[in-house]
Amino acid sequence: MSKKSGVATSSARRIEQSTEEPAWLRRSLIGVALAFLLLFLVLPLVAVFTEAMRKGFGAYLAALVDPDAWSAIKLTLLTAAIAVPLNVVFGVAAAWAIAKFEFRGKSVLTTLIDLPFSVSPIVAGLAFVLVFGAQGWFGPWLLEHNLKIIFAVPGIVLATAFVTLPLVARELIPLMQAQGSDEEQAAIVLGASGWQTFWHVTLPNIKWGLLYGVILCNARAMGEYGAVSVVSGHIRGLTNTIPLQVEILYNEYQLQAGFAVASLLALLALLTLVLKSVIEWRHERALAVDLPPEQPMVRAGSPVRATPTSVASA
């Protein structure tokens, strides 16, 4: 018996050694990955904060409290505060419909959700101009009713909502498909209404994926440049968001002020990474708590104790 176990152990070691990469290869790959992160992630962040603080903390604060910069900050926060909840409502509804129900046009809806991923933000902005601009399809009607969308806050919100539309839905669809609909059907059989089923069964199961999608959607909304640049008109103090304000300051050679405003987006990126890591950790911890304890392995030759499961299967 001991000879057989020794042979098995030695063969397992040989298989492990044959499939294990050499030490020099592992170190080389780790070094390349660290060098890539240092060059394309760490150094740009260090450069942003270094240039922002080059003239001191007083100049840094002065650049942030400048009227144009402060207006851009407020407009960015307002845009995100409107676009993100809209995409949360749409994302949850679309994911619930796609994952839990079968209906005609399901594949078309799934394709339309992915449309902002395949269309350039510049093209999306131009499309909004052609539809809602002064010379667009609804332009004359909007002018008659004194409604302004393009070169105003509504256009910025529409463009931002379009660009960030798939983020929440794409986080929830695979999650809800993997979970299935057994729990929802059981709740309905027990007499729960549709809203009660969603609030007490569906939402607790998707809360971590939903938070993850909201964080990504918010970061994308606050950092959007292409579509917003087309529909905003670059009106100082009125339609400039933080990315557009950074571009204006850079073009005017106000580098320290531009880096100071850009540091807000860098801080947002760092905060997004921290929240993403925390949510992933909490989600893994919740999964570990929900999993049933593993059954102890039975050694060869030892007596097997009867359990309810084994008795039932017998």
C-alpha atoms as a PDB file:
ATOM      1  CA  MET A   1       0.000   0.000   0.000  1.00  0.00           C
ATOM      2  CA  SER A   2       2.833   2.353   0.877  1.00  0.00           C
ATOM      3  CA  LYS A   3       4.618   1.537  -2.396  1.00  0.00           C
ATOM      4  CA  LYS A   4       1.500   2.417  -4.386  1.00  0.00           C
ATOM      5  CA  SER A   5       1.069   5.714  -2.528  1.00  0.00           C
ATOM      6  CA  GLY A   6       4.777   6.533  -3.034  1.00  0.00           C
ATOM      7  CA  VAL A   7       4.512   5.862  -6.779  1.00  0.00           C
ATOM      8  CA  ALA A   8       1.383   7.999  -6.995  1.00  0.00           C
ATOM      9  CA  THR A   9       3.071  10.847  -5.125  1.00  0.00           C
ATOM     10  CA  SER A  10       6.178  10.758  -7.309  1.00  0.00           C
ATOM     11  CA  SER A  11       4.099  10.679 -10.501  1.00  0.00           C
ATOM     12  CA  ALA A  12       2.036  13.626  -9.268  1.00  0.00           C
ATOM     13  CA  ARG A  13       5.228  15.573  -8.571  1.00  0.00           C
ATOM     14  CA  ARG A  14       6.555  14.804 -12.049  1.00  0.00           C
ATOM     15  CA  ILE A  15       3.289  16.014 -13.628  1.00  0.00           C
ATOM     16  CA  GLU A  16       3.376  19.195 -11.527  1.00  0.00           C
ATOM     17  CA  GLN A  17       6.999  19.889 -12.464  1.00  0.00           C
ATOM     18  CA  SER A  18       6.290  19.281 -16.162  1.00  0.00           C
ATOM     19  CA  THR A  19       3.382  21.755 -16.176  1.00  0.00           C
ATOM     20  CA  GLU A  20       5.087  24.401 -14.027  1.00  0.00           C
ATOM     21  CA  GLU A  21       6.821  27.292 -15.799  1.00  0.00           C
ATOM     22  CA  PRO A  22      10.507  27.894 -15.188  1.00  0.00           C
ATOM     23  CA  ALA A  23      11.399  30.431 -12.523  1.00  0.00           C
ATOM     24  CA  TRP A  24      13.057  32.794 -15.017  1.00  0.00           C
ATOM     25  CA  LEU A  25       9.902  32.859 -17.163  1.00  0.00           C
ATOM     26  CA  ARG A  26       7.649  33.665 -14.188  1.00  0.00           C
ATOM     27  CA  ARG A  27       9.961  36.458 -13.061  1.00  0.00           C
ATOM     28  CA  SER A  28      10.184  37.861 -16.581  1.00  0.00           C
ATOM     29  CA  LEU A  29       6.404  37.945 -16.981  1.00  0.00           C
ATOM     30  CA  ILE A  30       5.965  39.580 -13.575  1.00  0.00           C
ATOM     31  CA  GLY A  31       8.649  42.138 -14.430  1.00  0.00           C
ATOM     32  CA  VAL A  32       7.006  42.991 -17.763  1.00  0.00           C
ATOM     33  CA  ALA A  33       3.607  43.400 -16.083  1.00  0.00           C
ATOM     34  CA  LEU A  34       5.038  45.634 -13.350  1.00  0.00           C
ATOM     35  CA  ALA A  35       6.961  47.721 -15.896  1.00  0.00           C
ATOM     36  CA  PHE A  36       3.804  48.143 -17.970  1.00  0.00           C
ATOM     37  CA  LEU A  37       1.797  49.266 -14.929  1.00  0.00           C
ATOM     38  CA  LEU A  38       4.566  51.642 -13.879  1.00  0.00           C
ATOM     39  CA  LEU A  39       4.867  53.199 -17.322  1.00  0.00           C
ATOM     40  CA  PHE A  40       1.198  53.505 -18.264  1.00  0.00           C
ATOM     41  CA  LEU A  41      -0.537  53.872 -14.885  1.00  0.00           C
ATOM     42  CA  VAL A  42       1.703  55.023 -12.057  1.00  0.00           C
ATOM     43  CA  LEU A  43       3.886  57.544 -13.908  1.00  0.00           C
ATOM     44  CA  PRO A  44       0.950  59.411 -15.543  1.00  0.00           C
ATOM     45  CA  LEU A  45      -0.796  59.707 -12.178  1.00  0.00           C
ATOM     46  CA  VAL A  46       2.387  60.948 -10.514  1.00  0.00           C
ATOM     47  CA  ALA A  47       2.907  63.450 -13.332  1.00  0.00           C
ATOM     48  CA  VAL A  48      -0.639  64.804 -12.977  1.00  0.00           C
ATOM     49  CA  PHE A  49      -0.382  65.407  -9.240  1.00  0.00           C
ATOM     50  CA  THR A  50       3.195  66.721  -9.500  1.00  0.00           C
ATOM     51  CA  GLU A  51       2.262  69.317 -12.104  1.00  0.00           C
ATOM     52  CA  ALA A  52      -0.901  70.225 -10.207  1.00  0.00           C
ATOM     53  CA  MET A  53       1.138  70.996  -7.066  1.00  0.00           C
ATOM     54  CA  ARG A  54       4.080  72.608  -8.848  1.00  0.00           C
ATOM     55  CA  LYS A  55       3.163  76.151  -7.719  1.00  0.00           C
ATOM     56  CA  GLY A  56       2.023  75.122  -4.266  1.00  0.00           C
ATOM     57  CA  PHE A  57      -1.212  74.139  -2.594  1.00  0.00           C
ATOM     58  CA  GLY A  58      -2.541  77.708  -2.712  1.00  0.00           C
ATOM     59  CA  ALA A  59      -2.312  77.835  -6.500  1.00  0.00           C
ATOM     60  CA  TYR A  60      -3.909  74.388  -6.634  1.00  0.00           C
ATOM     61  CA  LEU A  61      -6.941  75.550  -4.651  1.00  0.00           C
ATOM     62  CA  ALA A  62      -7.118  78.781  -6.639  1.00  0.00           C
ATOM     63  CA  ALA A  63      -7.369  76.781  -9.860  1.00  0.00           C
ATOM     64  CA  LEU A  64     -10.218  74.684  -8.450  1.00  0.00           C
ATOM     65  CA  VAL A  65     -12.253  77.612  -7.085  1.00  0.00           C
ATOM     66  CA  ASP A  66     -11.941  79.582 -10.317  1.00  0.00           C
ATOM     67  CA  PRO A  67     -15.510  80.438 -11.489  1.00  0.00           C
ATOM     68  CA  ASP A  68     -15.172  78.568 -14.788  1.00  0.00           C
ATOM     69  CA  ALA A  69     -13.592  75.533 -13.147  1.00  0.00           C
ATOM     70  CA  TRP A  70     -16.188  75.491 -10.373  1.00  0.00           C
ATOM     71  CA  SER A  71     -18.978  75.745 -12.950  1.00  0.00           C
ATOM     72  CA  ALA A  72     -17.468  72.785 -14.838  1.00  0.00           C
ATOM     73  CA  ILE A  73     -17.289  70.752 -11.625  1.00  0.00           C
ATOM     74  CA  LYS A  74     -20.924  71.480 -10.764  1.00  0.00           C
ATOM     75  CA  LEU A  75     -22.100  70.664 -14.291  1.00  0.00           C
ATOM     76  CA  THR A  76     -20.179  67.365 -14.252  1.00  0.00           C
ATOM     77  CA  LEU A  77     -21.729  66.383 -10.929  1.00  0.00           C
ATOM     78  CA  LEU A  78     -25.192  67.394 -12.140  1.00  0.00           C
ATOM     79  CA  THR A  79     -24.806  65.393 -15.350  1.00  0.00           C
ATOM     80  CA  ALA A  80     -23.688  62.298 -13.467  1.00  0.00           C
ATOM     81  CA  ALA A  81     -26.481  62.729 -10.908  1.00  0.00           C
ATOM     82  CA  ILE A  82     -29.053  62.607 -13.719  1.00  0.00           C
ATOM     83  CA  ALA A  83     -27.503  60.134 -16.170  1.00  0.00           C
ATOM     84  CA  VAL A  84     -26.467  57.460 -13.664  1.00  0.00           C
ATOM     85  CA  PRO A  85     -29.915  56.954 -12.044  1.00  0.00           C
ATOM     86  CA  LEU A  86     -31.507  56.845 -15.509  1.00  0.00           C
ATOM     87  CA  ASN A  87     -29.096  54.117 -16.577  1.00  0.00           C
ATOM     88  CA  VAL A  88     -29.611  52.254 -13.306  1.00  0.00           C
ATOM     89  CA  VAL A  89     -33.370  52.120 -13.885  1.00  0.00           C
ATOM     90  CA  PHE A  90     -32.933  51.132 -17.522  1.00  0.00           C
ATOM     91  CA  GLY A  91     -30.178  48.616 -16.762  1.00  0.00           C
ATOM     92  CA  VAL A  92     -32.124  46.811 -14.040  1.00  0.00           C
ATOM     93  CA  ALA A  93     -35.319  46.716 -16.127  1.00  0.00           C
ATOM     94  CA  ALA A  94     -33.515  45.531 -19.264  1.00  0.00           C
ATOM     95  CA  ALA A  95     -31.469  42.911 -17.399  1.00  0.00           C
ATOM     96  CA  TRP A  96     -34.571  41.604 -15.602  1.00  0.00           C
ATOM     97  CA  ALA A  97     -36.501  41.349 -18.867  1.00  0.00           C
ATOM     98  CA  ILE A  98     -33.659  39.667 -20.784  1.00  0.00           C
ATOM     99  CA  ALA A  99     -32.601  37.269 -18.020  1.00  0.00           C
ATOM    100  CA  LYS A 100     -35.988  36.267 -16.609  1.00  0.00           C
ATOM    101  CA  PHE A 101     -38.384  36.275 -19.574  1.00  0.00           C
ATOM    102  CA  GLU A 102     -38.662  35.055 -23.146  1.00  0.00           C
ATOM    103  CA  PHE A 103     -40.241  37.435 -25.655  1.00  0.00           C
ATOM    104  CA  ARG A 104     -40.038  38.513 -29.260  1.00  0.00           C
ATOM    105  CA  GLY A 105     -37.238  40.933 -30.024  1.00  0.00           C
ATOM    106  CA  LYS A 106     -35.087  39.780 -27.113  1.00  0.00           C
ATOM    107  CA  SER A 107     -31.994  39.456 -29.298  1.00  0.00           C
ATOM    108  CA  VAL A 108     -32.697  42.862 -30.850  1.00  0.00           C
ATOM    109  CA  LEU A 109     -32.874  44.473 -27.403  1.00  0.00           C
ATOM    110  CA  THR A 110     -29.597  42.823 -26.403  1.00  0.00           C
ATOM    111  CA  THR A 111     -27.951  44.151 -29.568  1.00  0.00           C
ATOM    112  CA  LEU A 112     -29.290  47.668 -29.022  1.00  0.00           C
ATOM    113  CA  ILE A 113     -27.893  47.701 -25.485  1.00  0.00           C
ATOM    114  CA  ASP A 114     -24.426  47.064 -26.919  1.00  0.00           C
ATOM    115  CA  LEU A 115     -24.811  49.796 -29.555  1.00  0.00           C
ATOM    116  CA  PRO A 116     -22.989  52.540 -27.585  1.00  0.00           C
ATOM    117  CA  PHE A 117     -19.972  50.218 -27.312  1.00  0.00           C
ATOM    118  CA  SER A 118     -19.690  49.984 -31.107  1.00  0.00           C
ATOM    119  CA  VAL A 119     -20.468  53.600 -31.999  1.00  0.00           C
ATOM    120  CA  SER A 120     -17.866  56.323 -31.556  1.00  0.00           C
ATOM    121  CA  PRO A 121     -18.881  58.960 -28.975  1.00  0.00           C
ATOM    122  CA  ILE A 122     -18.191  61.646 -31.595  1.00  0.00           C
ATOM    123  CA  VAL A 123     -20.650  59.979 -33.971  1.00  0.00           C
ATOM    124  CA  ALA A 124     -23.207  59.745 -31.150  1.00  0.00           C
ATOM    125  CA  GLY A 125     -22.825  63.459 -30.444  1.00  0.00           C
ATOM    126  CA  LEU A 126     -23.255  64.309 -34.130  1.00  0.00           C
ATOM    127  CA  ALA A 127     -26.389  62.154 -34.220  1.00  0.00           C
ATOM    128  CA  PHE A 128     -27.895  64.161 -31.368  1.00  0.00           C
ATOM    129  CA  VAL A 129     -27.017  67.395 -33.183  1.00  0.00           C
ATOM    130  CA  LEU A 130     -28.730  66.154 -36.352  1.00  0.00           C
ATOM    131  CA  VAL A 131     -31.840  65.223 -34.392  1.00  0.00           C
ATOM    132  CA  PHE A 132     -32.155  68.059 -31.865  1.00  0.00           C
ATOM    133  CA  GLY A 133     -30.009  70.824 -33.382  1.00  0.00           C
ATOM    134  CA  ALA A 134     -31.354  74.050 -34.855  1.00  0.00           C
ATOM    135  CA  GLN A 135     -31.215  72.530 -38.359  1.00  0.00           C
ATOM    136  CA  GLY A 136     -32.123  69.029 -37.181  1.00  0.00           C
ATOM    137  CA  TRP A 137     -35.302  67.019 -37.408  1.00  0.00           C
ATOM    138  CA  PHE A 138     -36.897  68.494 -34.283  1.00  0.00           C
ATOM    139  CA  GLY A 139     -34.984  71.778 -34.347  1.00  0.00           C
ATOM    140  CA  PRO A 140     -37.788  74.033 -35.680  1.00  0.00           C
ATOM    141  CA  TRP A 141     -40.332  72.583 -33.253  1.00  0.00           C
ATOM    142  CA  LEU A 142     -37.947  73.069 -30.320  1.00  0.00           C
ATOM    143  CA  LEU A 143     -37.289  76.673 -31.363  1.00  0.00           C
ATOM    144  CA  GLU A 144     -41.017  77.379 -31.588  1.00  0.00           C
ATOM    145  CA  HIS A 145     -41.530  76.134 -28.044  1.00  0.00           C
ATOM    146  CA  ASN A 146     -38.382  77.831 -26.721  1.00  0.00           C
ATOM    147  CA  LEU A 147     -36.742  74.529 -25.829  1.00  0.00           C
ATOM    148  CA  LYS A 148     -32.981  74.122 -26.116  1.00  0.00           C
ATOM    149  CA  ILE A 149     -31.253  70.752 -26.021  1.00  0.00           C
ATOM    150  CA  ILE A 150     -28.080  71.094 -28.052  1.00  0.00           C
ATOM    151  CA  PHE A 151     -25.477  73.488 -26.561  1.00  0.00           C
ATOM    152  CA  ALA A 152     -27.314  73.197 -23.238  1.00  0.00           C
ATOM    153  CA  VAL A 153     -27.465  70.917 -20.215  1.00  0.00           C
ATOM    154  CA  PRO A 154     -30.163  68.544 -21.621  1.00  0.00           C
ATOM    155  CA  GLY A 155     -27.947  67.692 -24.596  1.00  0.00           C
ATOM    156  CA  ILE A 156     -24.993  66.962 -22.316  1.00  0.00           C
ATOM    157  CA  VAL A 157     -27.162  64.684 -20.173  1.00  0.00           C
ATOM    158  CA  LEU A 158     -28.539  62.865 -23.231  1.00  0.00           C
ATOM    159  CA  ALA A 159     -25.077  62.298 -24.689  1.00  0.00           C
ATOM    160  CA  THR A 160     -23.692  61.086 -21.367  1.00  0.00           C
ATOM    161  CA  ALA A 161     -26.648  58.777 -20.753  1.00  0.00           C
ATOM    162  CA  PHE A 162     -26.247  57.258 -24.225  1.00  0.00           C
ATOM    163  CA  VAL A 163     -22.529  56.599 -23.846  1.00  0.00           C
ATOM    164  CA  THR A 164     -22.932  55.013 -20.398  1.00  0.00           C
ATOM    165  CA  LEU A 165     -26.147  53.127 -21.180  1.00  0.00           C
ATOM    166  CA  PRO A 166     -24.718  49.560 -21.430  1.00  0.00           C
ATOM    167  CA  LEU A 167     -22.586  49.583 -18.275  1.00  0.00           C
ATOM    168  CA  VAL A 168     -25.190  48.693 -15.640  1.00  0.00           C
ATOM    169  CA  ALA A 169     -27.157  46.349 -17.885  1.00  0.00           C
ATOM    170  CA  ARG A 170     -24.046  44.472 -19.021  1.00  0.00           C
ATOM    171  CA  GLU A 171     -23.025  43.865 -15.404  1.00  0.00           C
ATOM    172  CA  LEU A 172     -26.434  42.500 -14.433  1.00  0.00           C
ATOM    173  CA  ILE A 173     -27.480  40.415 -17.448  1.00  0.00           C
ATOM    174  CA  PRO A 174     -24.951  37.560 -17.046  1.00  0.00           C
ATOM    175  CA  LEU A 175     -25.366  37.627 -13.269  1.00  0.00           C
ATOM    176  CA  MET A 176     -29.155  37.295 -13.431  1.00  0.00           C
ATOM    177  CA  GLN A 177     -28.947  34.655 -16.154  1.00  0.00           C
ATOM    178  CA  ALA A 178     -26.612  32.567 -13.992  1.00  0.00           C
ATOM    179  CA  GLN A 179     -28.938  32.855 -10.992  1.00  0.00           C
ATOM    180  CA  GLY A 180     -31.986  31.696 -12.929  1.00  0.00           C
ATOM    181  CA  SER A 181     -35.589  32.382 -12.015  1.00  0.00           C
ATOM    182  CA  ASP A 182     -36.327  29.571  -9.545  1.00  0.00           C
ATOM    183  CA  GLU A 183     -36.404  31.843  -6.499  1.00  0.00           C
ATOM    184  CA  GLU A 184     -38.669  34.378  -8.215  1.00  0.00           C
ATOM    185  CA  GLN A 185     -41.075  31.642  -9.300  1.00  0.00           C
ATOM    186  CA  ALA A 186     -41.151  30.229  -5.768  1.00  0.00           C
ATOM    187  CA  ALA A 187     -41.937  33.675  -4.359  1.00  0.00           C
ATOM    188  CA  ILE A 188     -44.784  34.153  -6.837  1.00  0.00           C
ATOM    189  CA  VAL A 189     -46.197  30.710  -5.999  1.00  0.00           C
ATOM    190  CA  LEU A 190     -46.159  31.689  -2.316  1.00  0.00           C
ATOM    191  CA  GLY A 191     -48.275  34.739  -3.111  1.00  0.00           C
ATOM    192  CA  ALA A 192     -45.716  37.552  -3.489  1.00  0.00           C
ATOM    193  CA  SER A 193     -46.479  40.354  -5.914  1.00  0.00           C
ATOM    194  CA  GLY A 194     -44.123  41.385  -8.682  1.00  0.00           C
ATOM    195  CA  TRP A 195     -42.751  44.330  -6.715  1.00  0.00           C
ATOM    196  CA  GLN A 196     -42.320  42.226  -3.562  1.00  0.00           C
ATOM    197  CA  THR A 197     -40.502  39.576  -5.572  1.00  0.00           C
ATOM    198  CA  PHE A 198     -38.137  42.125  -7.045  1.00  0.00           C
ATOM    199  CA  TRP A 199     -37.504  43.973  -3.781  1.00  0.00           C
ATOM    200  CA  HIS A 200     -37.050  40.977  -1.482  1.00  0.00           C
ATOM    201  CA  VAL A 201     -35.680  38.289  -3.837  1.00  0.00           C
ATOM    202  CA  THR A 202     -34.116  39.731  -7.007  1.00  0.00           C
ATOM    203  CA  LEU A 203     -32.510  42.901  -5.649  1.00  0.00           C
ATOM    204  CA  PRO A 204     -30.616  41.240  -2.747  1.00  0.00           C
ATOM    205  CA  ASN A 205     -29.164  38.722  -5.200  1.00  0.00           C
ATOM    206  CA  ILE A 206     -27.871  41.383  -7.603  1.00  0.00           C
ATOM    207  CA  LYS A 207     -26.859  44.119  -5.163  1.00  0.00           C
ATOM    208  CA  TRP A 208     -23.087  43.649  -5.564  1.00  0.00           C
ATOM    209  CA  GLY A 209     -23.253  43.527  -9.345  1.00  0.00           C
ATOM    210  CA  LEU A 210     -25.525  46.562  -9.331  1.00  0.00           C
ATOM    211  CA  LEU A 211     -23.117  48.562  -7.150  1.00  0.00           C
ATOM    212  CA  TYR A 212     -20.240  47.559  -9.406  1.00  0.00           C
ATOM    213  CA  GLY A 213     -22.143  48.752 -12.477  1.00  0.00           C
ATOM    214  CA  VAL A 214     -23.122  52.023 -10.796  1.00  0.00           C
ATOM    215  CA  ILE A 215     -19.481  52.781  -9.934  1.00  0.00           C
ATOM    216  CA  LEU A 216     -18.318  52.125 -13.498  1.00  0.00           C
ATOM    217  CA  CYS A 217     -21.217  54.116 -14.930  1.00  0.00           C
ATOM    218  CA  ASN A 218     -20.488  57.099 -12.675  1.00  0.00           C
ATOM    219  CA  ALA A 219     -16.770  57.108 -13.531  1.00  0.00           C
ATOM    220  CA  ARG A 220     -17.544  56.924 -17.256  1.00  0.00           C
ATOM    221  CA  ALA A 221     -20.150  59.679 -17.007  1.00  0.00           C
ATOM    222  CA  MET A 222     -17.850  62.111 -15.210  1.00  0.00           C
ATOM    223  CA  GLY A 223     -14.966  61.445 -17.590  1.00  0.00           C
ATOM    224  CA  GLU A 224     -16.871  61.499 -20.888  1.00  0.00           C
ATOM    225  CA  TYR A 225     -15.336  63.804 -23.477  1.00  0.00           C
ATOM    226  CA  GLY A 226     -16.176  62.903 -27.096  1.00  0.00           C
ATOM    227  CA  ALA A 227     -19.969  63.079 -27.240  1.00  0.00           C
ATOM    228  CA  VAL A 228     -20.154  65.914 -24.709  1.00  0.00           C
ATOM    229  CA  SER A 229     -17.620  67.920 -26.702  1.00  0.00           C
ATOM    230  CA  VAL A 230     -19.887  67.828 -29.756  1.00  0.00           C
ATOM    231  CA  VAL A 231     -23.177  68.756 -28.056  1.00  0.00           C
ATOM    232  CA  SER A 232     -21.892  71.227 -25.442  1.00  0.00           C
ATOM    233  CA  GLY A 233     -20.732  74.103 -27.624  1.00  0.00           C
ATOM    234  CA  HIS A 234     -17.793  74.810 -25.246  1.00  0.00           C
ATOM    235  CA  ILE A 235     -19.543  77.767 -23.623  1.00  0.00           C
ATOM    236  CA  ARG A 236     -17.437  78.864 -20.665  1.00  0.00           C
ATOM    237  CA  GLY A 237     -19.203  78.820 -17.358  1.00  0.00           C
ATOM    238  CA  LEU A 238     -22.289  77.180 -18.879  1.00  0.00           C
ATOM    239  CA  THR A 239     -21.681  73.963 -20.872  1.00  0.00           C
ATOM    240  CA  ASN A 240     -18.107  72.965 -20.061  1.00  0.00           C
ATOM    241  CA  THR A 241     -17.620  69.804 -18.031  1.00  0.00           C
ATOM    242  CA  ILE A 242     -14.353  68.910 -16.277  1.00  0.00           C
ATOM    243  CA  PRO A 243     -12.740  67.199 -19.320  1.00  0.00           C
ATOM    244  CA  LEU A 244     -13.669  70.134 -21.563  1.00  0.00           C
ATOM    245  CA  GLN A 245     -12.336  72.626 -19.004  1.00  0.00           C
ATOM    246  CA  VAL A 246      -9.040  70.727 -18.879  1.00  0.00           C
ATOM    247  CA  GLU A 247      -8.776  70.942 -22.674  1.00  0.00           C
ATOM    248  CA  ILE A 248      -9.421  74.700 -22.660  1.00  0.00           C
ATOM    249  CA  LEU A 249      -6.835  75.345 -19.955  1.00  0.00           C
ATOM    250  CA  TYR A 250      -4.270  73.222 -21.770  1.00  0.00           C
ATOM    251  CA  ASN A 251      -4.874  75.027 -25.077  1.00  0.00           C
ATOM    252  CA  GLU A 252      -4.421  78.361 -23.303  1.00  0.00           C
ATOM    253  CA  TYR A 253      -1.093  77.153 -21.819  1.00  0.00           C
ATOM    254  CA  GLN A 254      -2.450  77.325 -18.267  1.00  0.00           C
ATOM    255  CA  LEU A 255      -0.773  74.027 -17.507  1.00  0.00           C
ATOM    256  CA  GLN A 256      -0.810  74.140 -13.720  1.00  0.00           C
ATOM    257  CA  ALA A 257      -4.511  75.004 -13.625  1.00  0.00           C
ATOM    258  CA  GLY A 258      -5.265  72.330 -16.214  1.00  0.00           C
ATOM    259  CA  PHE A 259      -3.420  69.659 -14.233  1.00  0.00           C
ATOM    260  CA  ALA A 260      -5.158  70.817 -11.051  1.00  0.00           C
ATOM    261  CA  VAL A 261      -8.575  70.287 -12.607  1.00  0.00           C
ATOM    262  CA  ALA A 262      -7.414  67.023 -14.199  1.00  0.00           C
ATOM    263  CA  SER A 263      -6.319  65.782 -10.774  1.00  0.00           C
ATOM    264  CA  LEU A 264      -9.999  65.619  -9.814  1.00  0.00           C
ATOM    265  CA  LEU A 265     -10.559  63.046 -12.557  1.00  0.00           C
ATOM    266  CA  ALA A 266      -7.437  61.184 -11.424  1.00  0.00           C
ATOM    267  CA  LEU A 267      -8.778  61.090  -7.877  1.00  0.00           C
ATOM    268  CA  LEU A 268     -12.063  59.804  -9.235  1.00  0.00           C
ATOM    269  CA  ALA A 269     -10.211  57.012 -11.061  1.00  0.00           C
ATOM    270  CA  LEU A 270      -8.363  56.021  -7.879  1.00  0.00           C
ATOM    271  CA  LEU A 271     -11.579  56.126  -5.873  1.00  0.00           C
ATOM    272  CA  THR A 272     -13.264  53.959  -8.495  1.00  0.00           C
ATOM    273  CA  LEU A 273     -10.492  51.356  -8.241  1.00  0.00           C
ATOM    274  CA  VAL A 274     -10.712  51.324  -4.443  1.00  0.00           C
ATOM    275  CA  LEU A 275     -14.502  50.946  -4.438  1.00  0.00           C
ATOM    276  CA  LYS A 276     -14.272  48.259  -7.133  1.00  0.00           C
ATOM    277  CA  SER A 277     -11.792  46.276  -5.031  1.00  0.00           C
ATOM    278  CA  VAL A 278     -13.905  46.666  -1.892  1.00  0.00           C
ATOM    279  CA  ILE A 279     -17.062  45.509  -3.661  1.00  0.00           C
ATOM    280  CA  GLU A 280     -15.292  42.494  -5.176  1.00  0.00           C
ATOM    281  CA  TRP A 281     -13.903  41.579  -1.751  1.00  0.00           C
ATOM    282  CA  ARG A 282     -17.310  41.931  -0.082  1.00  0.00           C
ATOM    283  CA  HIS A 283     -18.931  39.907  -2.863  1.00  0.00           C
ATOM    284  CA  GLU A 284     -16.404  37.071  -2.517  1.00  0.00           C
ATOM    285  CA  ARG A 285     -16.835  37.144   1.236  1.00  0.00           C
ATOM    286  CA  ALA A 286     -20.622  36.968   0.899  1.00  0.00           C
ATOM    287  CA  LEU A 287     -20.296  34.006  -1.485  1.00  0.00           C
ATOM    288  CA  ALA A 288     -17.966  32.249   0.952  1.00  0.00           C
ATOM    289  CA  VAL A 289     -20.491  32.701   3.772  1.00  0.00           C
ATOM    290  CA  ASP A 290     -23.390  31.445   1.653  1.00  0.00           C
ATOM    291  CA  LEU A 291     -21.571  28.307   0.471  1.00  0.00           C
ATOM    292  CA  PRO A 292     -22.298  25.126   2.455  1.00  0.00           C
ATOM    293  CA  PRO A 293     -19.378  23.655   4.435  1.00  0.00           C
ATOM    294  CA  GLU A 294     -17.382  21.061   2.576  1.00  0.00           C
ATOM    295  CA  GLN A 295     -17.787  17.427   3.621  1.00  0.00           C
ATOM    296  CA  PRO A 296     -14.619  15.940   5.177  1.00  0.00           C
ATOM    297  CA  MET A 297     -12.743  13.588   2.904  1.00  0.00           C
ATOM    298  CA  VAL A 298     -12.850   9.925   3.913  1.00  0.00           C
ATOM    299  CA  ARG A 299      -9.544   8.113   3.948  1.00  0.00           C
ATOM    300  CA  ALA A 300      -9.192   4.843   2.151  1.00  0.00           C
ATOM    301  CA  GLY A 301      -9.906   1.909   4.416  1.00  0.00           C
ATOM    302  CA  SER A 302     -11.626   3.939   7.144  1.00  0.00           C
ATOM    303  CA  PRO A 303     -15.244   3.165   8.052  1.00  0.00           C
ATOM    304  CA  VAL A 304     -17.856   5.399   6.472  1.00  0.00           C
ATOM    305  CA  ARG A 305     -20.403   6.907   8.836  1.00  0.00           C
ATOM    306  CA  ALA A 306     -23.974   6.984   7.704  1.00  0.00           C
ATOM    307  CA  THR A 307     -25.378  10.423   7.000  1.00  0.00           C
ATOM    308  CA  PRO A 308     -28.910  11.442   6.060  1.00  0.00           C
ATOM    309  CA  THR A 309     -27.718  12.145   2.518  1.00  0.00           C
ATOM    310  CA  SER A 310     -26.021   8.790   2.115  1.00  0.00           C
ATOM    311  CA  VAL A 311     -29.000   6.977   3.613  1.00  0.00           C
ATOM    312  CA  ALA A 312     -31.381   8.772   1.295  1.00  0.00           C
ATOM    313  CA  SER A 313     -29.241   8.039  -1.732  1.00  0.00           C
ATOM    314  CA  ALA A 314     -28.979   4.402  -0.679  1.00  0.00           C
END
